[in-house]
Structures are given as C-alpha cells and as structure tokens.
C-alpha cells in the first residue's frame, strides 16, 4: 500500500491525536515508535513510509508541547 503526501499528513494528524490522548500509547511510542505505529495502523507499510510517519508524529508532538508551554507562559504576562 502506498500513501501520497496528503494521506501521510492525515495519518500523522490522526495518530498524533491518539498518542497524545493516551499516556500508555505515548510511552510505547517513545520506546518503540515503529512497532507502535504498525499496531495503530493495523497494516504493514514500507519502511520509508513508516519512518516518514514516525518523524512527522515526533515533530508534531514536540511542536504541540512547545505551543502549550508558550501559551501557558503568555498568561503570566497578561495585564490584570
């Protein structure tokens, strides 16, 4: 099964949301990202596709965490 760039981006969004919503899944992803994704997807994809998705999910989780942190910091500087 081949996925195009749009489908890969969709999978990254979908998987990121699932992983962020489940601490156990997040821990598994941190330990074994490829195995975790294969289990979530339920299909066997070529290694280059899996690696793209792993990299995309890692990046998205990192960006989302940074965004949450910055949002929290912003509230410290609001005028009361």
PDB file of N, CA and C in Angstrom:
ATOM      1  N   UNK A   1       0.846  -1.183   0.000  1.00  0.00           N
ATOM      2  CA  UNK A   1       0.000   0.000   0.000  1.00  0.00           C
ATOM      3  C   UNK A   1       0.886   1.239   0.000  1.00  0.00           C
ATOM      4  N   UNK A   2       0.655   2.114  -0.932  1.00  0.00           N
ATOM      5  CA  UNK A   2       1.395   3.370  -0.991  1.00  0.00           C
ATOM      6  C   UNK A   2       0.484   4.511  -0.596  1.00  0.00           C
ATOM      7  N   UNK A   3       1.020   5.424   0.183  1.00  0.00           N
ATOM      8  CA  UNK A   3       0.269   6.607   0.594  1.00  0.00           C
ATOM      9  C   UNK A   3       0.898   7.825  -0.057  1.00  0.00           C
ATOM     10  N   UNK A   4       0.059   8.771  -0.496  1.00  0.00           N
ATOM     11  CA  UNK A   4       0.606  10.015  -1.021  1.00  0.00           C
ATOM     12  C   UNK A   4       0.858  10.983   0.134  1.00  0.00           C
ATOM     13  N   UNK A   5       1.474  12.108  -0.154  1.00  0.00           N
ATOM     14  CA  UNK A   5       1.845  13.070   0.897  1.00  0.00           C
ATOM     15  C   UNK A   5       0.629  13.534   1.704  1.00  0.00           C
ATOM     16  N   UNK A   6      -0.482  13.755   1.043  1.00  0.00           N
ATOM     17  CA  UNK A   6      -1.702  14.199   1.735  1.00  0.00           C
ATOM     18  C   UNK A   6      -2.193  13.135   2.707  1.00  0.00           C
ATOM     19  N   UNK A   7      -2.159  11.886   2.280  1.00  0.00           N
ATOM     20  CA  UNK A   7      -2.592  10.791   3.143  1.00  0.00           C
ATOM     21  C   UNK A   7      -1.635  10.607   4.316  1.00  0.00           C
ATOM     22  N   UNK A   8      -0.341  10.803   4.081  1.00  0.00           N
ATOM     23  CA  UNK A   8       0.640  10.700   5.157  1.00  0.00           C
ATOM     24  C   UNK A   8       0.380  11.789   6.196  1.00  0.00           C
ATOM     25  N   UNK A   9       0.114  13.013   5.735  1.00  0.00           N
ATOM     26  CA  UNK A   9      -0.184  14.110   6.661  1.00  0.00           C
ATOM     27  C   UNK A   9      -1.444  13.813   7.477  1.00  0.00           C
ATOM     28  N   UNK A  10      -2.464  13.246   6.829  1.00  0.00           N
ATOM     29  CA  UNK A  10      -3.691  12.862   7.537  1.00  0.00           C
ATOM     30  C   UNK A  10      -3.390  11.834   8.613  1.00  0.00           C
ATOM     31  N   UNK A  11      -2.595  10.829   8.267  1.00  0.00           N
ATOM     32  CA  UNK A  11      -2.237   9.779   9.230  1.00  0.00           C
ATOM     33  C   UNK A  11      -1.447  10.370  10.395  1.00  0.00           C
ATOM     34  N   UNK A  12      -0.544  11.297  10.102  1.00  0.00           N
ATOM     35  CA  UNK A  12       0.239  11.938  11.159  1.00  0.00           C
ATOM     36  C   UNK A  12      -0.692  12.657  12.126  1.00  0.00           C
ATOM     37  N   UNK A  13      -1.638  13.418  11.616  1.00  0.00           N
ATOM     38  CA  UNK A  13      -2.599  14.129  12.471  1.00  0.00           C
ATOM     39  C   UNK A  13      -3.418  13.154  13.307  1.00  0.00           C
ATOM     40  N   UNK A  14      -3.940  12.134  12.655  1.00  0.00           N
ATOM     41  CA  UNK A  14      -4.788  11.143  13.314  1.00  0.00           C
ATOM     42  C   UNK A  14      -4.021  10.413  14.422  1.00  0.00           C
ATOM     43  N   UNK A  15      -2.842   9.954  14.104  1.00  0.00           N
ATOM     44  CA  UNK A  15      -2.036   9.196  15.066  1.00  0.00           C
ATOM     45  C   UNK A  15      -1.560  10.084  16.209  1.00  0.00           C
ATOM     46  N   UNK A  16      -1.163  11.317  15.898  1.00  0.00           N
ATOM     47  CA  UNK A  16      -0.718  12.239  16.932  1.00  0.00           C
ATOM     48  C   UNK A  16      -1.812  12.457  17.967  1.00  0.00           C
ATOM     49  N   UNK A  17      -3.034  12.655  17.518  1.00  0.00           N
ATOM     50  CA  UNK A  17      -4.148  12.861  18.443  1.00  0.00           C
ATOM     51  C   UNK A  17      -4.368  11.633  19.327  1.00  0.00           C
ATOM     52  N   UNK A  18      -4.301  10.454  18.728  1.00  0.00           N
ATOM     53  CA  UNK A  18      -4.476   9.224  19.512  1.00  0.00           C
ATOM     54  C   UNK A  18      -3.369   9.082  20.555  1.00  0.00           C
ATOM     55  N   UNK A  19      -2.134   9.340  20.148  1.00  0.00           N
ATOM     56  CA  UNK A  19      -0.996   9.185  21.050  1.00  0.00           C
ATOM     57  C   UNK A  19      -1.048  10.209  22.176  1.00  0.00           C
ATOM     58  N   UNK A  20      -1.386  11.445  21.858  1.00  0.00           N
ATOM     59  CA  UNK A  20      -1.452  12.492  22.886  1.00  0.00           C
ATOM     60  C   UNK A  20      -2.571  12.232  23.897  1.00  0.00           C
ATOM     61  N   UNK A  21      -3.603  11.524  23.475  1.00  0.00           N
ATOM     62  CA  UNK A  21      -4.750  11.269  24.344  1.00  0.00           C
ATOM     63  C   UNK A  21      -4.546  10.069  25.267  1.00  0.00           C
ATOM     64  N   UNK A  22      -3.486   9.301  25.063  1.00  0.00           N
ATOM     65  CA  UNK A  22      -3.283   8.069  25.817  1.00  0.00           C
ATOM     66  C   UNK A  22      -1.834   7.995  26.299  1.00  0.00           C
ATOM     67  N   UNK A  23      -1.628   8.181  27.611  1.00  0.00           N
ATOM     68  CA  UNK A  23      -0.269   8.189  28.165  1.00  0.00           C
ATOM     69  C   UNK A  23       0.479   6.883  27.922  1.00  0.00           C
ATOM     70  N   UNK A  24      -0.224   5.751  28.008  1.00  0.00           N
ATOM     71  CA  UNK A  24       0.426   4.465  27.754  1.00  0.00           C
ATOM     72  C   UNK A  24       0.888   4.357  26.311  1.00  0.00           C
ATOM     73  N   UNK A  25       0.055   4.835  25.412  1.00  0.00           N
ATOM     74  CA  UNK A  25       0.408   4.829  23.995  1.00  0.00           C
ATOM     75  C   UNK A  25       1.603   5.751  23.739  1.00  0.00           C
ATOM     76  N   UNK A  26       1.618   6.894  24.401  1.00  0.00           N
ATOM     77  CA  UNK A  26       2.733   7.822  24.267  1.00  0.00           C
ATOM     78  C   UNK A  26       4.029   7.181  24.755  1.00  0.00           C
ATOM     79  N   UNK A  27       3.971   6.504  25.890  1.00  0.00           N
ATOM     80  CA  UNK A  27       5.151   5.803  26.403  1.00  0.00           C
ATOM     81  C   UNK A  27       5.628   4.732  25.427  1.00  0.00           C
ATOM     82  N   UNK A  28       4.675   3.960  24.893  1.00  0.00           N
ATOM     83  CA  UNK A  28       5.039   2.934  23.915  1.00  0.00           C
ATOM     84  C   UNK A  28       5.663   3.551  22.668  1.00  0.00           C
ATOM     85  N   UNK A  29       5.093   4.670  22.217  1.00  0.00           N
ATOM     86  CA  UNK A  29       5.622   5.339  21.033  1.00  0.00           C
ATOM     87  C   UNK A  29       7.050   5.825  21.276  1.00  0.00           C
ATOM     88  N   UNK A  30       7.316   6.351  22.470  1.00  0.00           N
ATOM     89  CA  UNK A  30       8.666   6.824  22.782  1.00  0.00           C
ATOM     90  C   UNK A  30       9.671   5.671  22.800  1.00  0.00           C
ATOM     91  N   UNK A  31       9.231   4.495  23.272  1.00  0.00           N
ATOM     92  CA  UNK A  31      10.121   3.336  23.363  1.00  0.00           C
ATOM     93  C   UNK A  31      10.285   2.628  22.016  1.00  0.00           C
ATOM     94  N   UNK A  32       9.168   2.405  21.342  1.00  0.00           N
ATOM     95  CA  UNK A  32       9.171   1.646  20.093  1.00  0.00           C
ATOM     96  C   UNK A  32       8.239   2.302  19.078  1.00  0.00           C
ATOM     97  N   UNK A  33       8.663   3.400  18.471  1.00  0.00           N
ATOM     98  CA  UNK A  33       7.765   4.142  17.585  1.00  0.00           C
ATOM     99  C   UNK A  33       7.255   3.347  16.388  1.00  0.00           C
ATOM    100  N   UNK A  34       8.126   2.591  15.738  1.00  0.00           N
ATOM    101  CA  UNK A  34       7.697   1.852  14.546  1.00  0.00           C
ATOM    102  C   UNK A  34       6.666   0.783  14.912  1.00  0.00           C
ATOM    103  N   UNK A  35       6.947   0.007  15.927  1.00  0.00           N
ATOM    104  CA  UNK A  35       6.028  -1.054  16.353  1.00  0.00           C
ATOM    105  C   UNK A  35       4.690  -0.460  16.788  1.00  0.00           C
ATOM    106  N   UNK A  36       4.740   0.647  17.532  1.00  0.00           N
ATOM    107  CA  UNK A  36       3.511   1.296  17.992  1.00  0.00           C
ATOM    108  C   UNK A  36       2.672   1.764  16.812  1.00  0.00           C
ATOM    109  N   UNK A  37       3.315   2.382  15.819  1.00  0.00           N
ATOM    110  CA  UNK A  37       2.569   2.848  14.645  1.00  0.00           C
ATOM    111  C   UNK A  37       1.983   1.695  13.859  1.00  0.00           C
ATOM    112  N   UNK A  38       2.759   0.645  13.680  1.00  0.00           N
ATOM    113  CA  UNK A  38       2.236  -0.502  12.945  1.00  0.00           C
ATOM    114  C   UNK A  38       1.013  -1.090  13.648  1.00  0.00           C
ATOM    115  N   UNK A  39       1.057  -1.143  14.977  1.00  0.00           N
ATOM    116  CA  UNK A  39      -0.104  -1.632  15.728  1.00  0.00           C
ATOM    117  C   UNK A  39      -1.298  -0.702  15.578  1.00  0.00           C
ATOM    118  N   UNK A  40      -1.053   0.603  15.629  1.00  0.00           N
ATOM    119  CA  UNK A  40      -2.146   1.568  15.480  1.00  0.00           C
ATOM    120  C   UNK A  40      -2.758   1.527  14.089  1.00  0.00           C
ATOM    121  N   UNK A  41      -1.907   1.430  13.087  1.00  0.00           N
ATOM    122  CA  UNK A  41      -2.385   1.443  11.710  1.00  0.00           C
ATOM    123  C   UNK A  41      -3.057   0.131  11.322  1.00  0.00           C
ATOM    124  N   UNK A  42      -2.576  -0.957  11.901  1.00  0.00           N
ATOM    125  CA  UNK A  42      -3.147  -2.254  11.577  1.00  0.00           C
ATOM    126  C   UNK A  42      -2.789  -2.765  10.193  1.00  0.00           C
ATOM    127  N   UNK A  43      -1.841  -2.106   9.557  1.00  0.00           N
ATOM    128  CA  UNK A  43      -1.389  -2.533   8.233  1.00  0.00           C
ATOM    129  C   UNK A  43       0.128  -2.462   8.175  1.00  0.00           C
ATOM    130  N   UNK A  44       0.699  -3.217   7.277  1.00  0.00           N
ATOM    131  CA  UNK A  44       2.141  -3.219   7.105  1.00  0.00           C
ATOM    132  C   UNK A  44       2.486  -2.260   5.963  1.00  0.00           C
ATOM    133  N   UNK A  45       3.221  -1.218   6.289  1.00  0.00           N
ATOM    134  CA  UNK A  45       3.631  -0.242   5.292  1.00  0.00           C
ATOM    135  C   UNK A  45       5.129  -0.364   5.042  1.00  0.00           C
ATOM    136  N   UNK A  46       5.576   0.090   3.887  1.00  0.00           N
ATOM    137  CA  UNK A  46       7.018   0.095   3.623  1.00  0.00           C
ATOM    138  C   UNK A  46       7.750   0.940   4.668  1.00  0.00           C
ATOM    139  N   UNK A  47       8.985   0.541   4.957  1.00  0.00           N
ATOM    140  CA  UNK A  47       9.773   1.229   5.982  1.00  0.00           C
ATOM    141  C   UNK A  47       9.880   2.724   5.746  1.00  0.00           C
ATOM    142  N   UNK A  48      10.045   3.154   4.501  1.00  0.00           N
ATOM    143  CA  UNK A  48      10.196   4.591   4.236  1.00  0.00           C
ATOM    144  C   UNK A  48       8.932   5.375   4.582  1.00  0.00           C
ATOM    145  N   UNK A  49       7.770   4.752   4.421  1.00  0.00           N
ATOM    146  CA  UNK A  49       6.505   5.405   4.794  1.00  0.00           C
ATOM    147  C   UNK A  49       6.387   5.463   6.315  1.00  0.00           C
ATOM    148  N   UNK A  50       6.674   4.349   6.974  1.00  0.00           N
ATOM    149  CA  UNK A  50       6.608   4.304   8.444  1.00  0.00           C
ATOM    150  C   UNK A  50       7.546   5.347   9.029  1.00  0.00           C
ATOM    151  N   UNK A  51       8.753   5.442   8.504  1.00  0.00           N
ATOM    152  CA  UNK A  51       9.727   6.408   9.026  1.00  0.00           C
ATOM    153  C   UNK A  51       9.238   7.845   8.843  1.00  0.00           C
ATOM    154  N   UNK A  52       8.598   8.137   7.713  1.00  0.00           N
ATOM    155  CA  UNK A  52       8.040   9.478   7.495  1.00  0.00           C
ATOM    156  C   UNK A  52       6.968   9.783   8.532  1.00  0.00           C
ATOM    157  N   UNK A  53       6.117   8.797   8.787  1.00  0.00           N
ATOM    158  CA  UNK A  53       5.040   8.999   9.760  1.00  0.00           C
ATOM    159  C   UNK A  53       5.614   9.152  11.165  1.00  0.00           C
ATOM    160  N   UNK A  54       6.590   8.313  11.533  1.00  0.00           N
ATOM    161  CA  UNK A  54       7.233   8.415  12.848  1.00  0.00           C
ATOM    162  C   UNK A  54       7.833   9.801  13.017  1.00  0.00           C
ATOM    163  N   UNK A  55       8.590  10.256  12.018  1.00  0.00           N
ATOM    164  CA  UNK A  55       9.217  11.577  12.105  1.00  0.00           C
ATOM    165  C   UNK A  55       8.174  12.682  12.214  1.00  0.00           C
ATOM    166  N   UNK A  56       7.104  12.559  11.444  1.00  0.00           N
ATOM    167  CA  UNK A  56       6.047  13.563  11.481  1.00  0.00           C
ATOM    168  C   UNK A  56       5.330  13.614  12.822  1.00  0.00           C
ATOM    169  N   UNK A  57       5.048  12.449  13.388  1.00  0.00           N
ATOM    170  CA  UNK A  57       4.370  12.391  14.688  1.00  0.00           C
ATOM    171  C   UNK A  57       5.281  12.962  15.771  1.00  0.00           C
ATOM    172  N   UNK A  58       6.559  12.578  15.764  1.00  0.00           N
ATOM    173  CA  UNK A  58       7.506  13.117  16.746  1.00  0.00           C
ATOM    174  C   UNK A  58       7.563  14.636  16.653  1.00  0.00           C
ATOM    175  N   UNK A  59       7.643  15.161  15.444  1.00  0.00           N
ATOM    176  CA  UNK A  59       7.712  16.612  15.250  1.00  0.00           C
ATOM    177  C   UNK A  59       6.436  17.286  15.728  1.00  0.00           C
ATOM    178  N   UNK A  60       5.302  16.698  15.400  1.00  0.00           N
ATOM    179  CA  UNK A  60       4.012  17.293  15.788  1.00  0.00           C
ATOM    180  C   UNK A  60       3.845  17.299  17.303  1.00  0.00           C
ATOM    181  N   UNK A  61       4.217  16.211  17.958  1.00  0.00           N
ATOM    182  CA  UNK A  61       4.120  16.158  19.418  1.00  0.00           C
ATOM    183  C   UNK A  61       5.017  17.216  20.041  1.00  0.00           C
ATOM    184  N   UNK A  62       6.222  17.365  19.513  1.00  0.00           N
ATOM    185  CA  UNK A  62       7.164  18.359  20.033  1.00  0.00           C
ATOM    186  C   UNK A  62       6.634  19.775  19.829  1.00  0.00           C
ATOM    187  N   UNK A  63       6.116  20.062  18.649  1.00  0.00           N
ATOM    188  CA  UNK A  63       5.568  21.397  18.361  1.00  0.00           C
ATOM    189  C   UNK A  63       4.364  21.679  19.239  1.00  0.00           C
ATOM    190  N   UNK A  64       3.486  20.699  19.397  1.00  0.00           N
ATOM    191  CA  UNK A  64       2.294  20.889  20.231  1.00  0.00           C
ATOM    192  C   UNK A  64       2.677  21.141  21.684  1.00  0.00           C
ATOM    193  N   UNK A  65       3.679  20.419  22.189  1.00  0.00           N
ATOM    194  CA  UNK A  65       4.133  20.636  23.566  1.00  0.00           C
ATOM    195  C   UNK A  65       4.716  22.030  23.714  1.00  0.00           C
ATOM    196  N   UNK A  66       5.509  22.465  22.750  1.00  0.00           N
ATOM    197  CA  UNK A  66       6.107  23.802  22.801  1.00  0.00           C
ATOM    198  C   UNK A  66       5.021  24.868  22.750  1.00  0.00           C
ATOM    199  N   UNK A  67       4.027  24.656  21.922  1.00  0.00           N
ATOM    200  CA  UNK A  67       2.926  25.608  21.806  1.00  0.00           C
ATOM    201  C   UNK A  67       2.147  25.714  23.114  1.00  0.00           C
ATOM    202  N   UNK A  68       1.892  24.558  23.737  1.00  0.00           N
ATOM    203  CA  UNK A  68       1.191  24.558  25.026  1.00  0.00           C
ATOM    204  C   UNK A  68       2.002  25.297  26.082  1.00  0.00           C
ATOM    205  N   UNK A  69       3.303  25.074  26.084  1.00  0.00           N
ATOM    206  CA  UNK A  69       4.187  25.728  27.046  1.00  0.00           C
ATOM    207  C   UNK A  69       4.179  27.241  26.841  1.00  0.00           C
ATOM    208  N   UNK A  70       4.283  27.671  25.586  1.00  0.00           N
ATOM    209  CA  UNK A  70       4.282  29.099  25.297  1.00  0.00           C
ATOM    210  C   UNK A  70       2.941  29.741  25.648  1.00  0.00           C
ATOM    211  N   UNK A  71       1.859  29.032  25.419  1.00  0.00           N
ATOM    212  CA  UNK A  71       0.544  29.560  25.786  1.00  0.00           C
ATOM    213  C   UNK A  71       0.460  29.771  27.292  1.00  0.00           C
ATOM    214  N   UNK A  72       0.971  28.829  28.047  1.00  0.00           N
ATOM    215  CA  UNK A  72       0.978  28.943  29.499  1.00  0.00           C
ATOM    216  C   UNK A  72       1.826  30.094  29.970  1.00  0.00           C
ATOM    217  N   UNK A  73       2.954  30.306  29.325  1.00  0.00           N
ATOM    218  CA  UNK A  73       3.830  31.418  29.693  1.00  0.00           C
ATOM    219  C   UNK A  73       3.182  32.758  29.362  1.00  0.00           C
ATOM    220  N   UNK A  74       2.442  32.791  28.269  1.00  0.00           N
ATOM    221  CA  UNK A  74       1.776  34.026  27.870  1.00  0.00           C
ATOM    222  C   UNK A  74       0.804  34.521  28.921  1.00  0.00           C
ATOM    223  N   UNK A  75       0.163  33.611  29.606  1.00  0.00           N
ATOM    224  CA  UNK A  75      -0.801  34.016  30.633  1.00  0.00           C
ATOM    225  C   UNK A  75      -0.112  34.680  31.838  1.00  0.00           C
ATOM    226  N   UNK A  76       1.154  34.413  32.013  1.00  0.00           N
ATOM    227  CA  UNK A  76       1.890  35.053  33.107  1.00  0.00           C
ATOM    228  C   UNK A  76       2.058  36.561  32.890  1.00  0.00           C
ATOM    229  N   UNK A  77       2.038  36.972  31.625  1.00  0.00           N
ATOM    230  CA  UNK A  77       2.324  38.371  31.296  1.00  0.00           C
ATOM    231  C   UNK A  77       1.090  39.174  30.948  1.00  0.00           C
ATOM    232  N   UNK A  78      -0.094  38.600  31.090  1.00  0.00           N
ATOM    233  CA  UNK A  78      -1.327  39.337  30.796  1.00  0.00           C
ATOM    234  C   UNK A  78      -1.572  40.364  31.897  1.00  0.00           C
ATOM    235  N   UNK A  79      -2.119  41.492  31.459  1.00  0.00           N
ATOM    236  CA  UNK A  79      -2.470  42.528  32.423  1.00  0.00           C
ATOM    237  C   UNK A  79      -3.717  42.103  33.189  1.00  0.00           C
ATOM    238  N   UNK A  80      -3.713  42.439  34.439  1.00  0.00           N
ATOM    239  CA  UNK A  80      -4.876  42.110  35.275  1.00  0.00           C
ATOM    240  C   UNK A  80      -5.693  43.331  35.538  1.00  0.00           C
TER     241      UNK A  80
END
